[in-house]
């Protein structure tokens, strides 16, 4: 795990998918169905059937997470305030990710699927996006930015 993008992807991606498995499991939905649903985003409803699509879903999940991590790390490199305050910045980033996922991506892909509308549904989605994705990415970014600053000052 040499790069902060890879580290953030693996940490946040793993926490997020485990959370999805737990919350889906509580609702009686197994991990394969969760991953098939993820795969169905870019590959359509055919991905909802067959365990082979679960591997594709896992790859899609981590690819999306890599984009989320890369975007934040690029922003943190240009806006040091994000690295200076990683917890509130991570929570804010999680809120942004939640908004994009639930108010843009999901309605565009699944226009007839209901959005979370219960306290439980909204809370678990916000918990996952803010606590398990936003904060870990922000903490990894803060450590990376601090390391870069140390390297620059050592060279000077």
Protein backbone atom coordinates (compact mmCIF):
# COMPACT_ATOMS: atom_id res chain seq x y z
CA UNK A 1 0.00 0.00 0.00
CA UNK A 2 2.42 2.63 -1.21
CA UNK A 3 0.03 5.30 -2.35
CA UNK A 4 -2.46 7.16 -0.21
CA UNK A 5 -5.14 6.65 -2.87
CA UNK A 6 -4.70 2.89 -2.69
CA UNK A 7 -4.62 2.96 1.12
CA UNK A 8 -7.75 5.12 1.33
CA UNK A 9 -9.50 2.96 -1.26
CA UNK A 10 -8.77 -0.26 0.60
CA UNK A 11 -9.61 1.07 4.06
CA UNK A 12 -12.77 3.03 3.21
CA UNK A 13 -13.88 0.52 0.57
CA UNK A 14 -13.57 -2.41 2.95
CA UNK A 15 -15.35 -0.62 5.81
CA UNK A 16 -18.14 0.49 3.46
CA UNK A 17 -18.76 -2.91 1.87
CA UNK A 18 -18.70 -4.65 5.25
CA UNK A 19 -21.26 -2.11 6.46
CA UNK A 20 -23.40 -2.83 3.41
CA UNK A 21 -23.19 -6.55 4.15
CA UNK A 22 -24.21 -6.02 7.79
CA UNK A 23 -27.14 -3.70 7.07
CA UNK A 24 -28.32 -5.86 4.17
CA UNK A 25 -27.94 -8.96 6.33
CA UNK A 26 -30.19 -7.41 8.96
CA UNK A 27 -32.77 -7.05 6.17
CA UNK A 28 -32.27 -10.68 5.12
CA UNK A 29 -30.18 -9.92 2.02
CA UNK A 30 -26.92 -11.82 1.49
CA UNK A 31 -23.53 -10.48 0.37
CA UNK A 32 -23.82 -11.92 -3.16
CA UNK A 33 -27.09 -10.04 -3.73
CA UNK A 34 -25.46 -6.83 -2.44
CA UNK A 35 -22.53 -7.20 -4.83
CA UNK A 36 -24.81 -8.15 -7.72
CA UNK A 37 -26.77 -4.94 -7.08
CA UNK A 38 -23.53 -2.94 -7.19
CA UNK A 39 -22.59 -4.61 -10.48
CA UNK A 40 -26.03 -3.84 -11.89
CA UNK A 41 -25.28 -0.12 -11.66
CA UNK A 42 -23.01 0.01 -14.69
CA UNK A 43 -23.88 -3.39 -16.21
CA UNK A 44 -27.67 -3.41 -16.02
CA UNK A 45 -30.21 -5.79 -14.57
CA UNK A 46 -28.53 -8.90 -16.03
CA UNK A 47 -25.95 -8.50 -13.23
CA UNK A 48 -28.65 -9.18 -10.65
CA UNK A 49 -28.57 -12.86 -11.52
CA UNK A 50 -25.64 -15.19 -11.01
CA UNK A 51 -22.92 -15.35 -8.40
CA UNK A 52 -20.27 -14.50 -11.00
CA UNK A 53 -21.52 -10.94 -11.03
CA UNK A 54 -20.59 -10.61 -7.34
CA UNK A 55 -16.90 -10.45 -8.28
CA UNK A 56 -17.71 -7.72 -10.80
CA UNK A 57 -19.71 -5.90 -8.12
CA UNK A 58 -16.75 -5.98 -5.75
CA UNK A 59 -14.48 -4.57 -8.48
CA UNK A 60 -17.04 -1.86 -9.29
CA UNK A 61 -17.31 -0.99 -5.60
CA UNK A 62 -13.56 -0.55 -5.20
CA UNK A 63 -13.30 1.37 -8.50
CA UNK A 64 -15.92 3.84 -7.28
CA UNK A 65 -14.13 4.10 -3.94
CA UNK A 66 -10.82 4.76 -5.72
CA UNK A 67 -12.46 7.69 -7.51
CA UNK A 68 -13.83 9.01 -4.22
CA UNK A 69 -10.43 8.68 -2.53
CA UNK A 70 -8.55 10.24 -5.45
CA UNK A 71 -10.91 13.22 -5.61
CA UNK A 72 -10.49 13.95 -1.90
CA UNK A 73 -6.72 13.51 -1.94
CA UNK A 74 -6.41 15.88 -4.89
CA UNK A 75 -8.56 18.42 -3.07
CA UNK A 76 -6.60 18.01 0.18
CA UNK A 77 -3.33 18.60 -1.67
CA UNK A 78 -4.68 21.94 -2.93
CA UNK A 79 -6.67 22.98 0.14
CA UNK A 80 -4.61 22.32 3.29
CA UNK A 81 -7.59 23.21 5.49
CA UNK A 82 -9.00 19.77 4.65
CA UNK A 83 -5.91 18.09 6.08
CA UNK A 84 -5.79 20.42 9.06
CA UNK A 85 -9.33 19.42 10.15
CA UNK A 86 -9.81 15.84 8.92
CA UNK A 87 -12.78 14.84 11.09
CA UNK A 88 -15.16 17.66 10.14
CA UNK A 89 -13.80 17.62 6.58
CA UNK A 90 -14.35 13.87 6.36
CA UNK A 91 -17.89 14.20 7.68
CA UNK A 92 -18.59 16.96 5.16
CA UNK A 93 -17.12 14.83 2.37
CA UNK A 94 -19.27 11.90 3.48
CA UNK A 95 -22.35 14.14 3.32
CA UNK A 96 -21.35 15.23 -0.17
CA UNK A 97 -20.85 11.61 -1.26
CA UNK A 98 -24.19 10.62 0.28
CA UNK A 99 -25.92 13.46 -1.57
CA UNK A 100 -24.36 12.53 -4.90
CA UNK A 101 -25.12 8.82 -4.46
CA UNK A 102 -28.70 9.13 -3.19
CA UNK A 103 -29.89 12.24 -5.00
CA UNK A 104 -28.08 11.95 -8.35
CA UNK A 105 -26.62 8.50 -9.10
CA UNK A 106 -29.37 6.26 -7.73
CA UNK A 107 -32.29 8.25 -9.22
CA UNK A 108 -30.58 8.32 -12.61
CA UNK A 109 -29.87 4.58 -12.62
CA UNK A 110 -32.94 3.35 -10.73
CA UNK A 111 -35.59 6.07 -11.21
CA UNK A 112 -38.40 4.01 -9.70
CA UNK A 113 -36.50 2.83 -6.61
CA UNK A 114 -37.45 4.70 -3.45
CA UNK A 115 -34.78 6.74 -1.71
CA UNK A 116 -34.19 6.11 1.99
CA UNK A 117 -37.01 7.86 3.79
CA UNK A 118 -36.94 6.40 7.29
CA UNK A 119 -34.70 7.54 10.11
CA UNK A 120 -33.09 4.08 10.09
CA UNK A 121 -32.45 4.08 6.33
CA UNK A 122 -31.07 7.60 6.25
CA UNK A 123 -29.01 7.05 9.40
CA UNK A 124 -27.29 3.91 8.19
CA UNK A 125 -26.50 5.50 4.81
CA UNK A 126 -25.09 8.62 6.49
CA UNK A 127 -23.13 6.52 8.99
CA UNK A 128 -21.54 4.55 6.17
CA UNK A 129 -20.75 7.56 4.00
CA UNK A 130 -19.54 9.87 6.78
CA UNK A 131 -17.96 7.60 9.39
CA UNK A 132 -16.77 4.67 7.30
CA UNK A 133 -15.84 6.47 4.07
CA UNK A 134 -15.39 10.23 4.56
CA UNK A 135 -13.48 10.20 7.83
CA UNK A 136 -11.02 7.41 6.93
CA UNK A 137 -10.26 9.03 3.57
CA UNK A 138 -9.78 12.41 5.27
CA UNK A 139 -7.48 10.94 7.96
CA UNK A 140 -5.34 9.18 5.36
CA UNK A 141 -5.22 12.39 3.32
CA UNK A 142 -4.22 14.41 6.40
CA UNK A 143 -1.37 12.03 7.14
CA UNK A 144 -0.25 12.16 3.51
CA UNK A 145 -0.38 15.97 3.33
CA UNK A 146 1.56 16.25 6.61
CA UNK A 147 4.18 13.85 5.24
CA UNK A 148 4.52 15.90 2.08
CA UNK A 149 4.94 19.07 4.14
CA UNK A 150 7.68 17.41 6.21
CA UNK A 151 9.47 16.27 3.05
CA UNK A 152 9.33 19.77 1.56
CA UNK A 153 10.63 21.44 4.74
CA UNK A 154 13.44 18.85 5.02
CA UNK A 155 14.54 19.63 1.47
CA UNK A 156 14.64 23.39 2.12
